[in-house]
Amino acid sequence: MKLSDLITSEILRMLNESEEQTAEIQRNEFANEMGCAPSQINYVLSSRFTPEHGYIIDSRRGGGGYIRIKRVIMNHSSAIMHIINSIGDSIDALSTRVLVENCIETGLIDKDMARVMLAAINSNVMRRVSAESQDLLRAAILKEMFLVLL
């Protein structure tokens, strides 16, 4: 498992254990616990815990500063529409995997639906179109699949 996956898993564990769906970390201390540079924590937060993925990040700088990650709870239809809008015209493979995993975590889709979604846009399917078109096709397929869930 990659370091970024381990960091993500630890933050998700903290969120799942919190009744408020909130995790609070001190970046330098958390980086020490995870055995990485603080910039790696920033990377994970900025790529995997975005509003598009259903999270709000709040931070306070300085000596007692913190980073607070909050999972946003939306109703089913609002969440689906938010996801469709966040996909935009194109989405890369990594962002797709993170998006689908987040949908499992929040209970928006189950693991079977996630497998179907990922199978429909896996590398065997995408290699049949030009590299320039893959992210566009992936986004179009994903949006249609999420529309069916409305």
Protein backbone atom coordinates (compact mmCIF):
# COMPACT_ATOMS: atom_id res chain seq x y z
CA MET A 1 0.00 0.00 0.00
CA LYS A 2 1.34 3.44 -0.94
CA LEU A 3 2.03 6.04 1.71
CA SER A 4 -0.73 8.31 0.41
CA ASP A 5 -3.18 5.40 0.74
CA LEU A 6 -2.04 4.80 4.33
CA ILE A 7 -2.50 8.47 5.21
CA THR A 8 -5.94 8.45 3.59
CA SER A 9 -6.90 5.29 5.47
CA GLU A 10 -5.84 6.78 8.80
CA ILE A 11 -7.83 9.97 8.22
CA LEU A 12 -10.87 7.94 7.15
CA ARG A 13 -10.52 5.82 10.30
CA MET A 14 -10.53 8.97 12.43
CA LEU A 15 -13.59 10.29 10.57
CA ASN A 16 -15.44 7.00 10.97
CA GLU A 17 -14.73 6.91 14.71
CA SER A 18 -16.00 10.46 15.21
CA GLU A 19 -19.68 11.03 15.94
CA GLU A 20 -19.36 14.46 14.31
CA GLN A 21 -17.71 13.01 11.16
CA THR A 22 -14.71 15.25 11.91
CA ALA A 23 -10.99 14.55 12.25
CA GLU A 24 -8.57 17.08 13.68
CA ILE A 25 -4.83 16.74 13.16
CA GLN A 26 -1.71 18.77 13.71
CA ARG A 27 0.14 18.44 10.43
CA ASN A 28 3.70 18.07 11.74
CA GLU A 29 2.73 15.63 14.50
CA PHE A 30 0.59 13.60 12.11
CA ALA A 31 3.43 13.53 9.56
CA ASN A 32 5.78 12.21 12.28
CA GLU A 33 3.26 9.50 13.22
CA MET A 34 2.90 8.50 9.57
CA GLY A 35 6.65 8.65 8.94
CA CYS A 36 6.47 11.19 6.14
CA ALA A 37 7.08 14.83 5.32
CA PRO A 38 4.33 17.36 6.14
CA SER A 39 4.05 18.11 2.43
CA GLN A 40 2.80 14.54 1.90
CA ILE A 41 -0.08 15.29 4.30
CA ASN A 42 -0.85 18.43 2.27
CA TYR A 43 -0.86 16.39 -0.94
CA VAL A 44 -3.33 13.84 0.44
CA LEU A 45 -5.62 16.53 1.84
CA SER A 46 -5.62 18.57 -1.37
CA SER A 47 -6.18 15.58 -3.65
CA ARG A 48 -8.44 13.24 -1.66
CA PHE A 49 -10.32 15.36 0.87
CA THR A 50 -11.76 18.05 -1.36
CA PRO A 51 -15.29 19.49 -1.45
CA GLU A 52 -15.82 17.48 -4.65
CA HIS A 53 -15.13 14.34 -2.64
CA GLY A 54 -17.48 15.41 0.14
CA TYR A 55 -15.10 17.04 2.63
CA ILE A 56 -14.47 20.49 4.05
CA ILE A 57 -11.01 21.41 5.32
CA ASP A 58 -10.56 24.10 7.95
CA SER A 59 -7.15 25.08 9.28
CA ARG A 60 -5.50 27.40 11.74
CA ARG A 61 -1.84 28.24 11.35
CA GLY A 62 0.74 28.80 13.96
CA GLY A 63 1.86 27.14 17.22
CA GLY A 64 -1.28 25.18 18.34
CA GLY A 65 -2.60 25.19 14.81
CA TYR A 66 -4.68 22.39 13.45
CA ILE A 67 -6.24 20.99 10.33
CA ARG A 68 -9.87 19.92 10.70
CA ILE A 69 -11.37 17.58 8.10
CA LYS A 70 -15.16 17.32 8.09
CA ARG A 71 -17.22 14.89 6.06
CA VAL A 72 -20.21 16.70 4.58
CA ILE A 73 -23.49 14.82 4.84
CA MET A 74 -25.91 15.48 1.97
CA ASN A 75 -29.14 13.86 0.96
CA HIS A 76 -28.87 11.23 -1.77
CA SER A 77 -30.02 13.35 -4.73
CA SER A 78 -27.94 16.37 -3.72
CA ALA A 79 -24.87 14.20 -3.29
CA ILE A 80 -25.34 12.59 -6.72
CA MET A 81 -25.80 15.97 -8.41
CA HIS A 82 -22.76 17.35 -6.59
CA ILE A 83 -20.69 14.40 -7.84
CA ILE A 84 -21.92 14.78 -11.42
CA ASN A 85 -21.06 18.49 -11.37
CA SER A 86 -17.64 17.85 -9.83
CA ILE A 87 -16.70 15.33 -12.53
CA GLY A 88 -16.83 18.02 -15.19
CA ASP A 89 -15.86 17.24 -18.78
CA SER A 90 -12.98 14.92 -17.93
CA ILE A 91 -11.64 12.88 -15.03
CA ASP A 92 -8.44 10.86 -14.73
CA ALA A 93 -8.21 7.27 -13.49
CA LEU A 94 -6.86 8.11 -10.02
CA SER A 95 -9.51 10.76 -9.35
CA THR A 96 -12.16 8.29 -10.48
CA ARG A 97 -10.95 5.62 -8.07
CA VAL A 98 -10.87 8.11 -5.18
CA LEU A 99 -14.35 9.37 -6.08
CA VAL A 100 -15.81 5.85 -6.22
CA GLU A 101 -14.11 4.83 -2.96
CA ASN A 102 -15.51 7.95 -1.30
CA CYS A 103 -18.99 7.02 -2.54
CA ILE A 104 -18.61 3.61 -0.88
CA GLU A 105 -17.38 5.23 2.36
CA THR A 106 -20.37 7.57 2.50
CA GLY A 107 -22.85 4.81 1.63
CA LEU A 108 -23.88 6.42 -1.64
CA ILE A 109 -23.08 3.23 -3.55
CA ASP A 110 -22.28 -0.30 -2.46
CA LYS A 111 -19.19 -2.31 -3.35
CA ASP A 112 -20.99 -4.17 -6.15
CA MET A 113 -21.99 -0.92 -7.85
CA ALA A 114 -18.44 0.37 -7.40
CA ARG A 115 -17.07 -2.73 -9.13
CA VAL A 116 -19.48 -2.23 -12.04
CA MET A 117 -18.52 1.44 -12.36
CA LEU A 118 -14.80 0.74 -12.28
CA ALA A 119 -15.15 -2.19 -14.71
CA ALA A 120 -16.96 0.02 -17.22
CA ILE A 121 -14.05 2.45 -17.29
CA ASN A 122 -11.06 0.22 -16.61
CA SER A 123 -7.85 0.36 -18.63
CA ASN A 124 -8.95 -2.48 -20.94
CA VAL A 125 -11.95 -0.41 -22.02
CA MET A 126 -10.16 2.95 -22.13
CA ARG A 127 -7.24 1.73 -24.25
CA ARG A 128 -9.67 1.30 -27.14
CA VAL A 129 -9.80 5.08 -27.55
CA SER A 130 -6.97 7.56 -27.98
CA ALA A 131 -5.11 8.68 -24.86
CA GLU A 132 -6.45 12.20 -25.40
CA SER A 133 -10.04 10.93 -25.31
CA GLN A 134 -9.81 8.60 -22.31
CA ASP A 135 -10.49 11.17 -19.57
CA LEU A 136 -13.38 12.62 -21.59
CA LEU A 137 -14.97 9.22 -22.17
CA ARG A 138 -14.43 8.19 -18.54
CA ALA A 139 -16.24 11.35 -17.36
CA ALA A 140 -19.16 10.83 -19.74
CA ILE A 141 -19.64 7.20 -18.68
CA LEU A 142 -19.38 8.03 -14.97
CA LYS A 143 -21.88 10.88 -15.20
CA GLU A 144 -24.40 8.65 -16.98
CA MET A 145 -23.97 5.95 -14.33
CA PHE A 146 -24.54 8.45 -11.53
CA LEU A 147 -27.59 9.89 -13.32
CA VAL A 148 -29.17 6.43 -13.22
CA LEU A 149 -28.82 6.51 -9.41
CA LEU A 150 -30.99 9.64 -9.08
